[in-house]
Protein backbone atom coordinates (compact mmCIF):
# COMPACT_ATOMS: atom_id res chain seq x y z
CA UNK A 1 5.59 72.05 44.89
CA UNK A 2 2.06 71.35 45.38
CA UNK A 3 1.48 71.96 41.22
CA UNK A 4 4.55 69.36 40.83
CA UNK A 5 3.18 66.87 43.29
CA UNK A 6 -0.46 67.22 41.09
CA UNK A 7 1.45 65.98 38.11
CA UNK A 8 3.64 63.67 39.47
CA UNK A 9 1.69 61.95 41.67
CA UNK A 10 -0.84 60.50 39.30
CA UNK A 11 2.46 59.72 36.78
CA UNK A 12 3.71 57.77 39.25
CA UNK A 13 -0.04 56.17 40.26
CA UNK A 14 -0.38 55.48 36.28
CA UNK A 15 3.41 54.06 35.63
CA UNK A 16 2.15 50.47 37.09
CA UNK A 17 -1.01 50.20 35.50
CA UNK A 18 0.61 51.37 32.13
CA UNK A 19 3.39 48.55 32.66
CA UNK A 20 1.01 45.96 33.45
CA UNK A 21 -1.45 46.91 30.25
CA UNK A 22 1.80 47.05 27.99
CA UNK A 23 3.10 43.15 29.18
CA UNK A 24 -0.70 41.95 29.01
CA UNK A 25 -0.61 43.34 24.89
CA UNK A 26 1.83 40.41 23.78
CA UNK A 27 0.15 37.84 26.02
CA UNK A 28 -3.26 38.72 23.95
CA UNK A 29 -1.57 39.57 20.73
CA UNK A 30 -0.02 35.51 21.04
CA UNK A 31 -3.28 34.62 21.92
CA UNK A 32 -5.22 35.99 18.69
CA UNK A 33 -2.23 34.64 16.17
CA UNK A 34 -2.39 31.22 18.18
CA UNK A 35 -3.15 28.69 15.38
CA UNK A 36 -6.76 27.00 16.29
CA UNK A 37 -6.18 23.15 17.28
CA UNK A 38 -9.25 22.30 16.11
CA UNK A 39 -8.97 23.40 12.77
CA UNK A 40 -5.66 22.42 12.20
CA UNK A 41 -6.73 18.85 13.53
CA UNK A 42 -9.47 18.87 10.96
CA UNK A 43 -7.08 20.26 8.11
CA UNK A 44 -4.48 17.44 8.73
CA UNK A 45 -7.16 14.75 8.99
CA UNK A 46 -9.27 15.93 5.39
CA UNK A 47 -5.28 15.90 3.91
CA UNK A 48 -4.83 11.90 5.31
CA UNK A 49 -8.14 11.23 3.58
CA UNK A 50 -7.50 12.67 0.31
CA UNK A 51 -4.15 11.41 -0.03
CA UNK A 52 -5.81 7.54 0.98
CA UNK A 53 -8.56 8.00 -1.73
CA UNK A 54 -5.57 9.20 -4.12
CA UNK A 55 -3.66 5.53 -3.33
CA UNK A 56 -7.05 3.82 -3.63
CA UNK A 57 -8.25 5.34 -6.87
CA UNK A 58 -4.83 4.64 -8.34
CA UNK A 59 -4.96 1.05 -7.14
CA UNK A 60 -8.24 0.69 -8.65
CA UNK A 61 -7.15 2.03 -12.19
CA UNK A 62 -4.39 -0.17 -12.18
CA UNK A 63 -6.28 -3.12 -12.00
CA UNK A 64 -8.52 -2.02 -14.17
CA UNK A 65 -5.47 -0.92 -17.02
CA UNK A 66 -4.19 -4.57 -16.16
CA UNK A 67 -6.88 -6.32 -18.18
CA UNK A 68 -6.16 -4.18 -21.02
CA UNK A 69 -2.68 -5.41 -21.80
CA UNK A 70 -3.47 -7.80 -24.12
CA UNK A 71 -6.31 -8.83 -26.00
CA UNK A 72 -5.63 -12.81 -26.00
CA UNK A 73 -3.84 -13.71 -22.47
CA UNK A 74 -4.50 -17.22 -23.04
CA UNK A 75 -2.30 -17.33 -26.43
CA UNK A 76 1.11 -18.09 -24.11
CA UNK A 77 0.54 -20.88 -20.97
CA UNK A 78 3.61 -21.59 -18.78
CA UNK A 79 2.94 -25.44 -18.18
CA UNK A 80 5.95 -26.03 -15.59
CA UNK A 81 8.75 -24.20 -14.36
CA UNK A 82 12.22 -25.94 -12.82
CA UNK A 83 14.60 -23.96 -10.99
CA UNK A 84 17.79 -25.44 -11.36
CA UNK A 85 20.03 -23.15 -9.62
CA UNK A 86 19.83 -19.61 -7.28
CA UNK A 87 18.78 -17.59 -10.23
CA UNK A 88 18.40 -20.32 -13.24
CA UNK A 89 15.29 -22.01 -14.58
CA UNK A 90 13.78 -24.64 -17.00
CA UNK A 91 10.15 -23.36 -18.22
CA UNK A 92 8.08 -25.51 -20.35
CA UNK A 93 5.70 -23.16 -22.42
CA UNK A 94 2.94 -24.19 -24.68
CA UNK A 95 2.58 -21.81 -27.88
CA UNK A 96 -0.03 -22.16 -30.62
CA UNK A 97 0.06 -25.99 -29.87
CA UNK A 98 3.68 -26.42 -29.28
CA UNK A 99 5.93 -26.81 -26.08
CA UNK A 100 9.02 -25.23 -25.81
CA UNK A 101 11.72 -25.84 -23.60
CA UNK A 102 13.30 -22.36 -22.00
CA UNK A 103 16.64 -21.76 -19.97
CA UNK A 104 16.15 -18.65 -18.23
CA UNK A 105 19.25 -17.37 -16.20
CA UNK A 106 19.36 -13.19 -15.54
CA UNK A 107 20.70 -12.37 -18.23
CA UNK A 108 19.18 -14.17 -21.09
CA UNK A 109 16.41 -16.63 -22.01
CA UNK A 110 17.15 -19.13 -24.43
CA UNK A 111 15.15 -21.75 -26.31
CA UNK A 112 16.67 -25.98 -25.27
CA UNK A 113 14.31 -27.79 -27.51
CA UNK A 114 10.88 -27.09 -29.52
CA UNK A 115 8.58 -30.31 -29.47
CA UNK A 116 5.76 -30.45 -32.22
CA UNK A 117 3.96 -32.63 -29.81
CA UNK A 118 2.85 -31.60 -26.41
CA UNK A 119 5.10 -33.43 -23.31
CA UNK A 120 3.09 -32.84 -20.49
CA UNK A 121 -0.87 -31.94 -21.02
CA UNK A 122 -1.33 -28.58 -20.30
CA UNK A 123 -4.92 -28.80 -19.02
CA UNK A 124 -4.46 -31.91 -16.62
CA UNK A 125 -1.19 -31.57 -14.92
CA UNK A 126 0.20 -34.46 -13.15
CA UNK A 127 -1.05 -34.86 -9.19
CA UNK A 128 0.56 -36.80 -6.80
CA UNK A 129 -0.79 -38.64 -3.84
CA UNK A 130 -0.08 -35.35 -1.87
CA UNK A 131 -2.36 -33.54 -4.56
CA UNK A 132 -5.31 -35.87 -4.12
CA UNK A 133 -5.07 -36.23 0.10
CA UNK A 134 -5.24 -32.36 0.03
CA UNK A 135 -8.06 -31.94 -2.54
CA UNK A 136 -9.86 -35.12 -0.39
CA UNK A 137 -9.46 -32.79 2.88
CA UNK A 138 -10.64 -29.70 1.39
CA UNK A 139 -14.04 -31.28 0.07
CA UNK A 140 -14.32 -32.36 3.18
CA UNK A 141 -15.91 -30.36 6.34
CA UNK A 142 -13.81 -28.73 8.27
CA UNK A 143 -16.36 -28.29 11.40
CA UNK A 144 -14.82 -29.32 14.73
CA UNK A 145 -16.10 -33.01 15.60
CA UNK A 146 -19.07 -33.00 18.09
CA UNK A 147 -18.54 -33.38 21.88
CA UNK A 148 -19.83 -36.63 23.57
CA UNK A 149 -20.24 -35.53 27.47
């Protein structure tokens, strides 16, 4: 009996310690496999900065390419546009010294009249009283009046 007790007693005492060791192993394992929060945030931040840099780069490239669409951008000038309806317009366009009156709809553009001599001076558009007053106000100082206390 003493021989059995020498084997059973250490086994009974060791079982709780063994159970604790087995239960603690998944916790340590999960702590080892858990992602590093700082590294994750840094990775997301670098990715976000890269995306923003690509967006700004594309915007810069589009602005640079926009000037290359035509060598002579002054060949056609829109002198005036008048809205007739919700989606219909009449436009006066100057091309090569001639002014052309165009009717513009969502589906077509038609020539209404071709003028040999300019009808409206494209360099000096007609100015109204409102335009003159606004120009006068812009030329003035916008500072607040001084207080007299």
